[in-house]
């Protein structure tokens, strides 16, 4: 399975269970978010711990989530160094904050 969706308290976790978040995975990610957007809690947590590579399609999918869920807090957790570097390079880290753990993301928005 490409994604796990976990509901905990006031947040929804979308865990991406793939090493590559690219043009192959991005459409399925967008489709999944579209399906669940009405049920997403106050805070969406994107767990990218398994992702080792992200291309412009993956970045676009994350940015699409940001735009789609304007009234929802969004965090990225557990990004690997290449993903964190890419977020910084594209300045997406200014829009969507990254945290080392789910607990840190939830605590930061409490």
N, C-alpha and C. Protein backbone atom coordinates (compact mmCIF):
# COMPACT_ATOMS: atom_id res chain seq x y z
N UNK A 1 0.82 -1.18 0.00
CA UNK A 1 0.00 0.00 0.00
C UNK A 1 0.87 1.25 0.00
N UNK A 2 0.52 2.23 -0.78
CA UNK A 2 1.32 3.44 -0.94
C UNK A 2 1.17 4.41 0.23
N UNK A 3 -0.02 4.42 0.84
CA UNK A 3 -0.31 5.37 1.90
C UNK A 3 -1.00 4.67 3.07
N UNK A 4 -0.71 5.15 4.26
CA UNK A 4 -1.51 4.80 5.43
C UNK A 4 -2.11 6.10 5.93
N UNK A 5 -3.37 6.06 6.31
CA UNK A 5 -4.04 7.23 6.85
C UNK A 5 -4.47 6.89 8.26
N UNK A 6 -3.99 7.70 9.20
CA UNK A 6 -4.22 7.45 10.61
C UNK A 6 -4.87 8.69 11.22
N UNK A 7 -5.96 8.48 11.91
CA UNK A 7 -6.65 9.57 12.60
C UNK A 7 -6.28 9.49 14.09
N UNK A 8 -5.76 10.58 14.63
CA UNK A 8 -5.41 10.64 16.05
C UNK A 8 -5.80 12.00 16.59
N UNK A 9 -6.74 12.01 17.50
CA UNK A 9 -7.14 13.28 18.10
C UNK A 9 -7.55 14.29 17.06
N UNK A 10 -6.89 15.43 17.07
CA UNK A 10 -7.22 16.51 16.14
C UNK A 10 -6.33 16.51 14.90
N UNK A 11 -5.61 15.43 14.66
CA UNK A 11 -4.77 15.42 13.47
C UNK A 11 -4.94 14.14 12.66
N UNK A 12 -4.67 14.29 11.38
CA UNK A 12 -4.71 13.20 10.42
C UNK A 12 -3.30 13.00 9.91
N UNK A 13 -2.81 11.78 9.96
CA UNK A 13 -1.47 11.45 9.47
C UNK A 13 -1.61 10.74 8.13
N UNK A 14 -0.90 11.21 7.13
CA UNK A 14 -0.79 10.50 5.87
C UNK A 14 0.67 10.05 5.77
N UNK A 15 0.86 8.76 5.91
CA UNK A 15 2.20 8.19 5.86
C UNK A 15 2.43 7.66 4.45
N UNK A 16 3.48 8.15 3.82
CA UNK A 16 3.81 7.70 2.47
C UNK A 16 4.80 6.55 2.61
N UNK A 17 4.40 5.40 2.10
CA UNK A 17 5.18 4.17 2.26
C UNK A 17 5.94 3.81 0.99
N UNK A 18 6.54 4.78 0.39
CA UNK A 18 7.31 4.57 -0.85
C UNK A 18 8.65 5.29 -0.71
N UNK A 19 9.67 4.78 -1.38
CA UNK A 19 10.98 5.42 -1.37
C UNK A 19 11.04 6.63 -2.30
N UNK A 20 10.16 6.64 -3.31
CA UNK A 20 10.17 7.72 -4.28
C UNK A 20 8.81 8.41 -4.31
N UNK A 21 8.83 9.72 -4.17
CA UNK A 21 7.62 10.52 -4.29
C UNK A 21 7.81 11.31 -5.58
N UNK A 22 7.36 10.71 -6.67
CA UNK A 22 7.64 11.27 -7.99
C UNK A 22 6.38 11.24 -8.86
N UNK A 23 6.56 11.39 -10.16
CA UNK A 23 5.43 11.46 -11.09
C UNK A 23 4.57 10.21 -11.05
N UNK A 24 5.11 9.10 -10.65
CA UNK A 24 4.34 7.87 -10.56
C UNK A 24 3.40 7.88 -9.35
N UNK A 25 3.84 8.45 -8.24
CA UNK A 25 3.08 8.44 -7.00
C UNK A 25 2.21 9.69 -6.80
N UNK A 26 2.62 10.82 -7.34
CA UNK A 26 1.93 12.09 -7.10
C UNK A 26 0.43 12.06 -7.45
N UNK A 27 0.02 11.50 -8.59
CA UNK A 27 -1.42 11.48 -8.89
C UNK A 27 -2.22 10.68 -7.86
N UNK A 28 -1.69 9.57 -7.40
CA UNK A 28 -2.39 8.77 -6.40
C UNK A 28 -2.49 9.52 -5.08
N UNK A 29 -1.44 10.26 -4.74
CA UNK A 29 -1.46 11.08 -3.52
C UNK A 29 -2.55 12.14 -3.61
N UNK A 30 -2.59 12.85 -4.74
CA UNK A 30 -3.61 13.88 -4.93
C UNK A 30 -5.02 13.28 -4.86
N UNK A 31 -5.19 12.14 -5.52
CA UNK A 31 -6.50 11.47 -5.52
C UNK A 31 -6.90 11.06 -4.10
N UNK A 32 -5.96 10.53 -3.34
CA UNK A 32 -6.24 10.12 -1.97
C UNK A 32 -6.64 11.31 -1.12
N UNK A 33 -5.92 12.42 -1.24
CA UNK A 33 -6.27 13.62 -0.47
C UNK A 33 -7.63 14.16 -0.87
N UNK A 34 -7.93 14.10 -2.14
CA UNK A 34 -9.24 14.57 -2.62
C UNK A 34 -10.36 13.74 -1.97
N UNK A 35 -10.14 12.44 -1.86
CA UNK A 35 -11.13 11.55 -1.26
C UNK A 35 -11.36 11.84 0.22
N UNK A 36 -10.30 12.18 0.94
CA UNK A 36 -10.41 12.32 2.39
C UNK A 36 -10.48 13.77 2.87
N UNK A 37 -10.41 14.74 1.96
CA UNK A 37 -10.28 16.13 2.41
C UNK A 37 -11.41 16.58 3.32
N UNK A 38 -12.60 16.07 3.15
CA UNK A 38 -13.70 16.43 4.03
C UNK A 38 -13.59 15.84 5.42
N UNK A 39 -12.75 14.82 5.58
CA UNK A 39 -12.59 14.16 6.88
C UNK A 39 -11.27 14.50 7.57
N UNK A 40 -10.45 15.32 6.93
CA UNK A 40 -9.16 15.67 7.53
C UNK A 40 -9.41 16.56 8.74
N UNK A 41 -8.75 16.24 9.80
CA UNK A 41 -8.92 16.97 11.06
C UNK A 41 -8.21 18.33 10.99
N UNK A 42 -8.00 18.97 12.11
CA UNK A 42 -7.42 20.31 12.16
C UNK A 42 -5.98 20.39 11.66
N UNK A 43 -5.28 19.27 11.71
CA UNK A 43 -3.85 19.28 11.40
C UNK A 43 -3.53 18.06 10.53
N UNK A 44 -2.99 18.30 9.34
CA UNK A 44 -2.56 17.21 8.46
C UNK A 44 -1.05 17.05 8.63
N UNK A 45 -0.65 15.84 8.95
CA UNK A 45 0.75 15.51 9.13
C UNK A 45 1.16 14.57 8.00
N UNK A 46 2.12 15.01 7.19
CA UNK A 46 2.64 14.18 6.11
C UNK A 46 3.92 13.53 6.60
N UNK A 47 3.88 12.22 6.78
CA UNK A 47 5.04 11.47 7.26
C UNK A 47 5.83 11.01 6.04
N UNK A 48 6.98 11.63 5.83
CA UNK A 48 7.82 11.32 4.68
C UNK A 48 9.05 10.50 5.07
N UNK A 49 8.99 9.82 6.18
CA UNK A 49 10.13 9.07 6.68
C UNK A 49 10.66 8.01 5.74
N UNK A 50 9.82 7.43 4.91
CA UNK A 50 10.25 6.40 3.97
C UNK A 50 10.75 6.98 2.64
N UNK A 51 10.43 8.24 2.39
CA UNK A 51 10.74 8.86 1.09
C UNK A 51 12.23 9.23 1.04
N UNK A 52 12.91 8.72 0.04
CA UNK A 52 14.33 9.00 -0.17
C UNK A 52 14.57 9.93 -1.35
N UNK A 53 13.58 10.04 -2.23
CA UNK A 53 13.71 10.87 -3.43
C UNK A 53 12.37 11.54 -3.70
N UNK A 54 12.42 12.83 -4.01
CA UNK A 54 11.22 13.57 -4.37
C UNK A 54 11.57 14.44 -5.57
N UNK A 55 10.72 14.38 -6.61
CA UNK A 55 10.94 15.24 -7.77
C UNK A 55 9.91 16.36 -7.78
N UNK A 56 9.86 17.10 -8.87
CA UNK A 56 8.95 18.24 -8.95
C UNK A 56 7.48 17.82 -8.87
N UNK A 57 7.17 16.61 -9.30
CA UNK A 57 5.78 16.13 -9.19
C UNK A 57 5.40 15.90 -7.73
N UNK A 58 6.31 15.35 -6.95
CA UNK A 58 6.07 15.18 -5.52
C UNK A 58 5.93 16.52 -4.82
N UNK A 59 6.82 17.46 -5.16
CA UNK A 59 6.73 18.81 -4.59
C UNK A 59 5.40 19.45 -4.97
N UNK A 60 5.00 19.27 -6.22
CA UNK A 60 3.74 19.83 -6.68
C UNK A 60 2.55 19.23 -5.95
N UNK A 61 2.62 17.94 -5.65
CA UNK A 61 1.54 17.29 -4.93
C UNK A 61 1.43 17.82 -3.50
N UNK A 62 2.58 18.03 -2.86
CA UNK A 62 2.57 18.59 -1.51
C UNK A 62 2.04 20.02 -1.54
N UNK A 63 2.48 20.80 -2.53
CA UNK A 63 1.99 22.17 -2.65
C UNK A 63 0.49 22.18 -2.97
N UNK A 64 0.04 21.24 -3.75
CA UNK A 64 -1.39 21.11 -4.04
C UNK A 64 -2.19 20.83 -2.77
N UNK A 65 -1.63 20.01 -1.89
CA UNK A 65 -2.28 19.74 -0.60
C UNK A 65 -2.37 21.02 0.21
N UNK A 66 -1.30 21.78 0.21
CA UNK A 66 -1.27 23.05 0.93
C UNK A 66 -2.37 23.99 0.43
N UNK A 67 -2.51 24.08 -0.87
CA UNK A 67 -3.53 24.95 -1.46
C UNK A 67 -4.94 24.41 -1.23
N UNK A 68 -5.12 23.12 -1.35
CA UNK A 68 -6.43 22.50 -1.19
C UNK A 68 -6.94 22.64 0.24
N UNK A 69 -6.03 22.58 1.19
CA UNK A 69 -6.41 22.55 2.61
C UNK A 69 -6.01 23.84 3.32
N UNK A 70 -6.33 24.94 2.73
CA UNK A 70 -5.93 26.26 3.23
C UNK A 70 -6.22 26.48 4.71
N UNK A 71 -7.32 25.96 5.21
CA UNK A 71 -7.70 26.19 6.61
C UNK A 71 -7.21 25.09 7.54
N UNK A 72 -6.30 24.27 7.07
CA UNK A 72 -5.78 23.15 7.85
C UNK A 72 -4.29 23.35 8.07
N UNK A 73 -3.83 23.12 9.29
CA UNK A 73 -2.40 23.15 9.55
C UNK A 73 -1.78 21.94 8.85
N UNK A 74 -0.65 22.15 8.21
CA UNK A 74 0.05 21.04 7.53
C UNK A 74 1.49 21.03 8.01
N UNK A 75 1.97 19.85 8.34
CA UNK A 75 3.36 19.66 8.74
C UNK A 75 3.93 18.47 8.00
N UNK A 76 5.22 18.51 7.79
CA UNK A 76 5.96 17.36 7.26
C UNK A 76 6.80 16.82 8.41
N UNK A 77 6.75 15.52 8.59
CA UNK A 77 7.54 14.92 9.67
C UNK A 77 8.50 13.88 9.13
N UNK A 78 9.62 13.78 9.85
CA UNK A 78 10.63 12.76 9.60
C UNK A 78 11.20 12.81 8.19
N UNK A 79 11.44 14.01 7.64
CA UNK A 79 12.01 14.03 6.29
C UNK A 79 13.48 13.63 6.30
N UNK A 80 13.87 12.84 5.33
CA UNK A 80 15.27 12.48 5.16
C UNK A 80 16.03 13.72 4.67
N UNK A 81 17.33 13.75 4.86
CA UNK A 81 18.12 14.94 4.52
C UNK A 81 17.92 15.41 3.08
N UNK A 82 17.91 14.53 2.07
CA UNK A 82 17.69 15.03 0.70
C UNK A 82 16.33 15.71 0.53
N UNK A 83 15.32 15.22 1.21
CA UNK A 83 13.99 15.83 1.12
C UNK A 83 13.98 17.17 1.84
N UNK A 84 14.58 17.22 3.01
CA UNK A 84 14.67 18.47 3.76
C UNK A 84 15.45 19.52 2.97
N UNK A 85 16.53 19.11 2.35
CA UNK A 85 17.32 20.03 1.51
C UNK A 85 16.50 20.56 0.34
N UNK A 86 15.72 19.69 -0.28
CA UNK A 86 14.87 20.10 -1.40
C UNK A 86 13.81 21.09 -0.95
N UNK A 87 13.20 20.85 0.20
CA UNK A 87 12.19 21.78 0.73
C UNK A 87 12.81 23.14 1.01
N UNK A 88 14.04 23.14 1.53
CA UNK A 88 14.73 24.41 1.79
C UNK A 88 15.10 25.11 0.48
N UNK A 89 15.60 24.35 -0.47
CA UNK A 89 16.00 24.92 -1.76
C UNK A 89 14.83 25.60 -2.47
N UNK A 90 13.67 24.98 -2.39
CA UNK A 90 12.48 25.53 -3.06
C UNK A 90 11.71 26.50 -2.16
N UNK A 91 12.19 26.69 -0.94
CA UNK A 91 11.59 27.58 0.06
C UNK A 91 10.21 27.12 0.51
N UNK A 92 9.88 25.88 0.23
CA UNK A 92 8.62 25.32 0.73
C UNK A 92 8.66 25.18 2.24
N UNK A 93 9.86 25.14 2.80
CA UNK A 93 9.99 25.03 4.26
C UNK A 93 9.46 26.27 4.97
N UNK A 94 9.25 27.36 4.24
CA UNK A 94 8.67 28.58 4.82
C UNK A 94 7.15 28.47 4.92
N UNK A 95 6.55 27.63 4.07
CA UNK A 95 5.10 27.45 4.06
C UNK A 95 4.64 26.27 4.89
N UNK A 96 5.39 25.18 4.79
CA UNK A 96 5.04 23.95 5.49
C UNK A 96 6.22 23.57 6.37
N UNK A 97 6.01 23.62 7.67
CA UNK A 97 7.09 23.35 8.61
C UNK A 97 7.41 21.87 8.69
N UNK A 98 8.68 21.57 8.91
CA UNK A 98 9.13 20.19 9.07
C UNK A 98 9.49 19.95 10.53
N UNK A 99 9.24 18.73 10.97
CA UNK A 99 9.53 18.34 12.35
C UNK A 99 10.12 16.94 12.33
N UNK A 100 10.95 16.61 13.33
CA UNK A 100 11.57 15.29 13.35
C UNK A 100 10.60 14.15 13.68
N UNK A 101 9.52 14.46 14.41
CA UNK A 101 8.57 13.43 14.81
C UNK A 101 7.13 13.97 14.74
N UNK A 102 6.19 13.06 14.77
CA UNK A 102 4.77 13.45 14.81
C UNK A 102 4.48 14.22 16.09
N UNK A 103 5.03 13.75 17.19
CA UNK A 103 4.79 14.40 18.47
C UNK A 103 5.29 15.84 18.44
N UNK A 104 6.46 16.08 17.83
CA UNK A 104 7.00 17.43 17.73
C UNK A 104 6.12 18.32 16.87
N UNK A 105 5.57 17.77 15.80
CA UNK A 105 4.69 18.54 14.92
C UNK A 105 3.42 18.94 15.66
N UNK A 106 2.85 18.00 16.39
CA UNK A 106 1.62 18.28 17.14
C UNK A 106 1.90 19.30 18.24
N UNK A 107 3.01 19.15 18.95
CA UNK A 107 3.36 20.07 20.03
C UNK A 107 3.59 21.48 19.49
N UNK A 108 4.17 21.58 18.31
CA UNK A 108 4.48 22.90 17.72
C UNK A 108 3.23 23.66 17.33
N UNK A 109 2.15 22.95 17.06
CA UNK A 109 0.93 23.62 16.63
C UNK A 109 -0.11 23.71 17.75
N UNK A 110 0.24 23.23 18.92
CA UNK A 110 -0.71 23.26 20.05
C UNK A 110 -0.81 24.66 20.64
